[in-house]
Amino acid sequence: MKVNLSDKIDFDRYAAICRDRRSTMWMEARFLPPDTPELLRRHYETNPNDIGYGIYADDQFVGVIRLQGIDRHHERADKHTFIDPEWWGRGIGTKATMLLIEAHRHEFRLITVSCYENNVGVIKMNQRAGFVIVCGLPRFYVFDGVEIAKVFMAWYR
């Protein structure tokens, strides 16, 4: 399967992915009202420092990967990935993350990710792309009534 990143983002599909409970079940976004294509488009237009790409698998839009919280002085950014659950488990997130790092490896010394400790798929995806677990904060989140840790991961050169 060919995976590539593009400046073209299908905001209608992106909004549908964000509304899918499976996409947000491991994220704090599950507590927010559903995103609309207009809200997502406006976010990109009003945050010009963010770097966002559509993720395409075999020329089909399957998600978004972006860098935000960019600090150019310290050469660091936070990475966020949203992939259509129908495409999970195929290595797309790992490949997209590797492509993102390759495209921006000379701009950033540090790229970080944080997630719930039980979001094993995201942890493995990022580890396969070269991220390491830096630390965990116990009892940071409450998930289905249970206190769980927040895991911090980093890629650095």
C-alpha atoms as a PDB file:
ATOM      1  CA  MET A   1       0.000   0.000   0.000  1.00  0.00           C
ATOM      2  CA  LYS A   2       1.331   3.408  -0.967  1.00  0.00           C
ATOM      3  CA  VAL A   3       1.057   6.056   1.775  1.00  0.00           C
ATOM      4  CA  ASN A   4       1.752   9.702   1.109  1.00  0.00           C
ATOM      5  CA  LEU A   5       1.174  13.121   2.668  1.00  0.00           C
ATOM      6  CA  SER A   6      -0.485  15.980   0.824  1.00  0.00           C
ATOM      7  CA  ASP A   7      -1.280  19.622   1.505  1.00  0.00           C
ATOM      8  CA  LYS A   8      -4.804  18.762   0.367  1.00  0.00           C
ATOM      9  CA  ILE A   9      -7.105  17.929   3.282  1.00  0.00           C
ATOM     10  CA  ASP A  10     -10.600  16.602   2.645  1.00  0.00           C
ATOM     11  CA  PHE A  11     -12.371  18.492   5.437  1.00  0.00           C
ATOM     12  CA  ASP A  12     -15.664  16.656   4.917  1.00  0.00           C
ATOM     13  CA  ARG A  13     -13.983  13.254   5.440  1.00  0.00           C
ATOM     14  CA  TYR A  14     -11.835  14.695   8.254  1.00  0.00           C
ATOM     15  CA  ALA A  15     -14.976  15.839  10.095  1.00  0.00           C
ATOM     16  CA  ALA A  16     -16.552  12.408   9.592  1.00  0.00           C
ATOM     17  CA  ILE A  17     -13.449  10.744  11.065  1.00  0.00           C
ATOM     18  CA  CYS A  18     -13.542  13.119  14.049  1.00  0.00           C
ATOM     19  CA  ARG A  19     -17.233  12.295  14.644  1.00  0.00           C
ATOM     20  CA  ASP A  20     -16.548   8.546  14.681  1.00  0.00           C
ATOM     21  CA  ARG A  21     -16.550   7.500  18.366  1.00  0.00           C
ATOM     22  CA  ARG A  22     -13.746   5.028  17.666  1.00  0.00           C
ATOM     23  CA  SER A  23     -11.490   7.926  16.561  1.00  0.00           C
ATOM     24  CA  THR A  24     -11.975   9.931  19.722  1.00  0.00           C
ATOM     25  CA  MET A  25     -12.473   7.260  22.375  1.00  0.00           C
ATOM     26  CA  TRP A  26      -8.851   7.652  23.532  1.00  0.00           C
ATOM     27  CA  MET A  27      -8.882  11.450  23.360  1.00  0.00           C
ATOM     28  CA  GLU A  28     -10.198  14.330  25.428  1.00  0.00           C
ATOM     29  CA  ALA A  29     -11.949  15.434  22.223  1.00  0.00           C
ATOM     30  CA  ARG A  30     -14.665  12.915  23.057  1.00  0.00           C
ATOM     31  CA  PHE A  31     -16.050  15.506  25.509  1.00  0.00           C
ATOM     32  CA  LEU A  32     -16.323  18.252  22.866  1.00  0.00           C
ATOM     33  CA  PRO A  33     -19.140  18.941  20.410  1.00  0.00           C
ATOM     34  CA  PRO A  34     -18.589  17.223  17.047  1.00  0.00           C
ATOM     35  CA  ASP A  35     -16.349  19.029  14.595  1.00  0.00           C
ATOM     36  CA  THR A  36     -17.788  20.280  11.330  1.00  0.00           C
ATOM     37  CA  PRO A  37     -15.854  20.716   8.085  1.00  0.00           C
ATOM     38  CA  GLU A  38     -16.185  24.490   8.512  1.00  0.00           C
ATOM     39  CA  LEU A  39     -14.742  24.453  12.048  1.00  0.00           C
ATOM     40  CA  LEU A  40     -11.813  22.282  10.981  1.00  0.00           C
ATOM     41  CA  ARG A  41     -11.095  24.446   7.938  1.00  0.00           C
ATOM     42  CA  ARG A  42     -11.246  27.593  10.091  1.00  0.00           C
ATOM     43  CA  HIS A  43      -8.828  26.005  12.587  1.00  0.00           C
ATOM     44  CA  TYR A  44      -6.261  25.531   9.826  1.00  0.00           C
ATOM     45  CA  GLU A  45      -6.829  29.033   8.476  1.00  0.00           C
ATOM     46  CA  THR A  46      -6.490  30.708  11.891  1.00  0.00           C
ATOM     47  CA  ASN A  47      -3.454  28.701  13.026  1.00  0.00           C
ATOM     48  CA  PRO A  48      -0.906  29.424  10.288  1.00  0.00           C
ATOM     49  CA  ASN A  49       1.984  28.153  12.425  1.00  0.00           C
ATOM     50  CA  ASP A  50       0.517  24.641  12.494  1.00  0.00           C
ATOM     51  CA  ILE A  51       1.705  22.233   9.817  1.00  0.00           C
ATOM     52  CA  GLY A  52      -0.972  19.841   8.600  1.00  0.00           C
ATOM     53  CA  TYR A  53      -1.170  17.189   5.923  1.00  0.00           C
ATOM     54  CA  GLY A  54      -3.816  14.897   4.568  1.00  0.00           C
ATOM     55  CA  ILE A  55      -2.832  11.248   4.787  1.00  0.00           C
ATOM     56  CA  TYR A  56      -3.563   9.269   1.634  1.00  0.00           C
ATOM     57  CA  ALA A  57      -3.390   5.492   1.223  1.00  0.00           C
ATOM     58  CA  ASP A  58      -3.540   4.323  -2.373  1.00  0.00           C
ATOM     59  CA  ASP A  59      -4.742   7.841  -3.290  1.00  0.00           C
ATOM     60  CA  GLN A  60      -7.681   7.690  -0.849  1.00  0.00           C
ATOM     61  CA  PHE A  61      -7.938  10.251   1.977  1.00  0.00           C
ATOM     62  CA  VAL A  62      -7.673   8.313   5.257  1.00  0.00           C
ATOM     63  CA  GLY A  63      -6.720  10.930   7.849  1.00  0.00           C
ATOM     64  CA  VAL A  64      -4.685  13.903   8.973  1.00  0.00           C
ATOM     65  CA  ILE A  65      -1.314  14.333  10.621  1.00  0.00           C
ATOM     66  CA  ARG A  66      -0.190  17.673  11.991  1.00  0.00           C
ATOM     67  CA  LEU A  67       2.393  19.479  14.006  1.00  0.00           C
ATOM     68  CA  GLN A  68       1.117  22.153  16.363  1.00  0.00           C
ATOM     69  CA  GLY A  69       2.317  23.998  19.427  1.00  0.00           C
ATOM     70  CA  ILE A  70       5.321  24.782  17.281  1.00  0.00           C
ATOM     71  CA  ASP A  71       8.209  26.547  18.999  1.00  0.00           C
ATOM     72  CA  ARG A  72      10.700  27.540  16.299  1.00  0.00           C
ATOM     73  CA  HIS A  73      13.171  28.998  18.800  1.00  0.00           C
ATOM     74  CA  HIS A  74      13.531  25.678  20.638  1.00  0.00           C
ATOM     75  CA  GLU A  75      12.908  23.620  17.484  1.00  0.00           C
ATOM     76  CA  ARG A  76      10.048  21.594  18.954  1.00  0.00           C
ATOM     77  CA  ALA A  77       6.452  20.674  18.088  1.00  0.00           C
ATOM     78  CA  ASP A  78       3.601  18.395  19.182  1.00  0.00           C
ATOM     79  CA  LYS A  79       2.318  15.752  16.735  1.00  0.00           C
ATOM     80  CA  HIS A  80      -1.319  14.746  16.352  1.00  0.00           C
ATOM     81  CA  THR A  81      -2.660  12.009  14.108  1.00  0.00           C
ATOM     82  CA  PHE A  82      -6.243  11.157  13.120  1.00  0.00           C
ATOM     83  CA  ILE A  83      -6.809   8.100  10.949  1.00  0.00           C
ATOM     84  CA  ASP A  84     -10.103   6.636   9.807  1.00  0.00           C
ATOM     85  CA  PRO A  85     -10.699   3.584  12.056  1.00  0.00           C
ATOM     86  CA  GLU A  86     -11.512   1.531   8.960  1.00  0.00           C
ATOM     87  CA  TRP A  87      -7.812   1.896   8.041  1.00  0.00           C
ATOM     88  CA  TRP A  88      -6.293   1.142  11.468  1.00  0.00           C
ATOM     89  CA  GLY A  89      -3.785  -1.676  11.833  1.00  0.00           C
ATOM     90  CA  ARG A  90      -2.275  -1.342   8.365  1.00  0.00           C
ATOM     91  CA  GLY A  91       0.852   0.660   9.234  1.00  0.00           C
ATOM     92  CA  ILE A  92      -0.524   3.871   7.752  1.00  0.00           C
ATOM     93  CA  GLY A  93       0.031   5.952  10.909  1.00  0.00           C
ATOM     94  CA  THR A  94       3.601   4.684  11.261  1.00  0.00           C
ATOM     95  CA  LYS A  95       4.401   5.435   7.620  1.00  0.00           C
ATOM     96  CA  ALA A  96       2.737   8.882   7.796  1.00  0.00           C
ATOM     97  CA  THR A  97       4.694   9.691  10.959  1.00  0.00           C
ATOM     98  CA  MET A  98       7.955   8.628   9.308  1.00  0.00           C
ATOM     99  CA  LEU A  99       7.158  10.781   6.252  1.00  0.00           C
ATOM    100  CA  LEU A 100       6.376  13.753   8.518  1.00  0.00           C
ATOM    101  CA  ILE A 101       9.641  13.343  10.405  1.00  0.00           C
ATOM    102  CA  GLU A 102      11.616  13.023   7.175  1.00  0.00           C
ATOM    103  CA  ALA A 103      10.022  16.190   5.782  1.00  0.00           C
ATOM    104  CA  HIS A 104      10.740  18.234   8.930  1.00  0.00           C
ATOM    105  CA  ARG A 105      13.759  16.578  10.563  1.00  0.00           C
ATOM    106  CA  HIS A 106      15.962  19.616   9.954  1.00  0.00           C
ATOM    107  CA  GLU A 107      13.405  22.055  11.381  1.00  0.00           C
ATOM    108  CA  PHE A 108      12.749  20.314  14.703  1.00  0.00           C
ATOM    109  CA  ARG A 109      15.004  18.703  17.281  1.00  0.00           C
ATOM    110  CA  LEU A 110      12.069  17.437  19.330  1.00  0.00           C
ATOM    111  CA  ILE A 111       8.605  16.209  18.370  1.00  0.00           C
ATOM    112  CA  THR A 112       6.323  15.047  21.173  1.00  0.00           C
ATOM    113  CA  VAL A 113       3.142  13.004  21.496  1.00  0.00           C
ATOM    114  CA  SER A 114       0.998  12.297  24.525  1.00  0.00           C
ATOM    115  CA  CYS A 115      -1.793   9.769  24.900  1.00  0.00           C
ATOM    116  CA  TYR A 116      -3.720   7.597  27.333  1.00  0.00           C
ATOM    117  CA  GLU A 117      -1.727   4.624  28.595  1.00  0.00           C
ATOM    118  CA  ASN A 118      -4.349   2.230  27.241  1.00  0.00           C
ATOM    119  CA  ASN A 119      -4.104   3.661  23.712  1.00  0.00           C
ATOM    120  CA  VAL A 120      -1.736   0.854  22.795  1.00  0.00           C
ATOM    121  CA  GLY A 121      -2.157   1.351  19.040  1.00  0.00           C
ATOM    122  CA  VAL A 122      -0.874   4.939  19.178  1.00  0.00           C
ATOM    123  CA  ILE A 123       1.992   3.977  21.464  1.00  0.00           C
ATOM    124  CA  LYS A 124       3.115   1.178  19.117  1.00  0.00           C
ATOM    125  CA  MET A 125       2.624   3.346  16.013  1.00  0.00           C
ATOM    126  CA  ASN A 126       4.896   6.046  17.401  1.00  0.00           C
ATOM    127  CA  GLN A 127       7.499   3.590  18.696  1.00  0.00           C
ATOM    128  CA  ARG A 128       7.730   2.011  15.239  1.00  0.00           C
ATOM    129  CA  ALA A 129       8.354   5.502  13.824  1.00  0.00           C
ATOM    130  CA  GLY A 130      11.228   6.169  16.236  1.00  0.00           C
ATOM    131  CA  PHE A 131       9.514   7.727  19.263  1.00  0.00           C
ATOM    132  CA  VAL A 132      10.433   6.627  22.774  1.00  0.00           C
ATOM    133  CA  ILE A 133       8.371   6.744  25.944  1.00  0.00           C
ATOM    134  CA  VAL A 134       9.787   9.519  28.086  1.00  0.00           C
ATOM    135  CA  CYS A 135       7.507   9.218  31.108  1.00  0.00           C
ATOM    136  CA  GLY A 136       4.019   8.567  32.334  1.00  0.00           C
ATOM    137  CA  LEU A 137       1.952  10.588  34.741  1.00  0.00           C
ATOM    138  CA  PRO A 138      -0.095   8.209  36.897  1.00  0.00           C
ATOM    139  CA  ARG A 139      -3.774   8.908  37.480  1.00  0.00           C
ATOM    140  CA  PHE A 140      -3.724  11.827  35.016  1.00  0.00           C
ATOM    141  CA  TYR A 141      -7.002  10.914  33.279  1.00  0.00           C
ATOM    142  CA  VAL A 142     -10.234   9.205  34.262  1.00  0.00           C
ATOM    143  CA  PHE A 143     -11.344   6.761  31.574  1.00  0.00           C
ATOM    144  CA  ASP A 144     -14.615   4.876  32.075  1.00  0.00           C
ATOM    145  CA  GLY A 145     -14.399   5.631  35.788  1.00  0.00           C
ATOM    146  CA  VAL A 146     -10.827   4.336  36.150  1.00  0.00           C
ATOM    147  CA  GLU A 147      -7.764   6.526  36.745  1.00  0.00           C
ATOM    148  CA  ILE A 148      -5.143   5.968  34.051  1.00  0.00           C
ATOM    149  CA  ALA A 149      -1.768   7.444  33.182  1.00  0.00           C
ATOM    150  CA  LYS A 150      -0.852   9.924  30.494  1.00  0.00           C
ATOM    151  CA  VAL A 151       2.103   8.683  28.427  1.00  0.00           C
ATOM    152  CA  PHE A 152       4.584  11.186  27.002  1.00  0.00           C
ATOM    153  CA  MET A 153       6.602  10.146  23.957  1.00  0.00           C
ATOM    154  CA  ALA A 154       9.321  11.954  22.027  1.00  0.00           C
ATOM    155  CA  TRP A 155      11.293  11.766  18.831  1.00  0.00           C
ATOM    156  CA  TYR A 156      14.493  13.771  18.917  1.00  0.00           C
ATOM    157  CA  ARG A 157      17.596  14.170  16.842  1.00  0.00           C
END
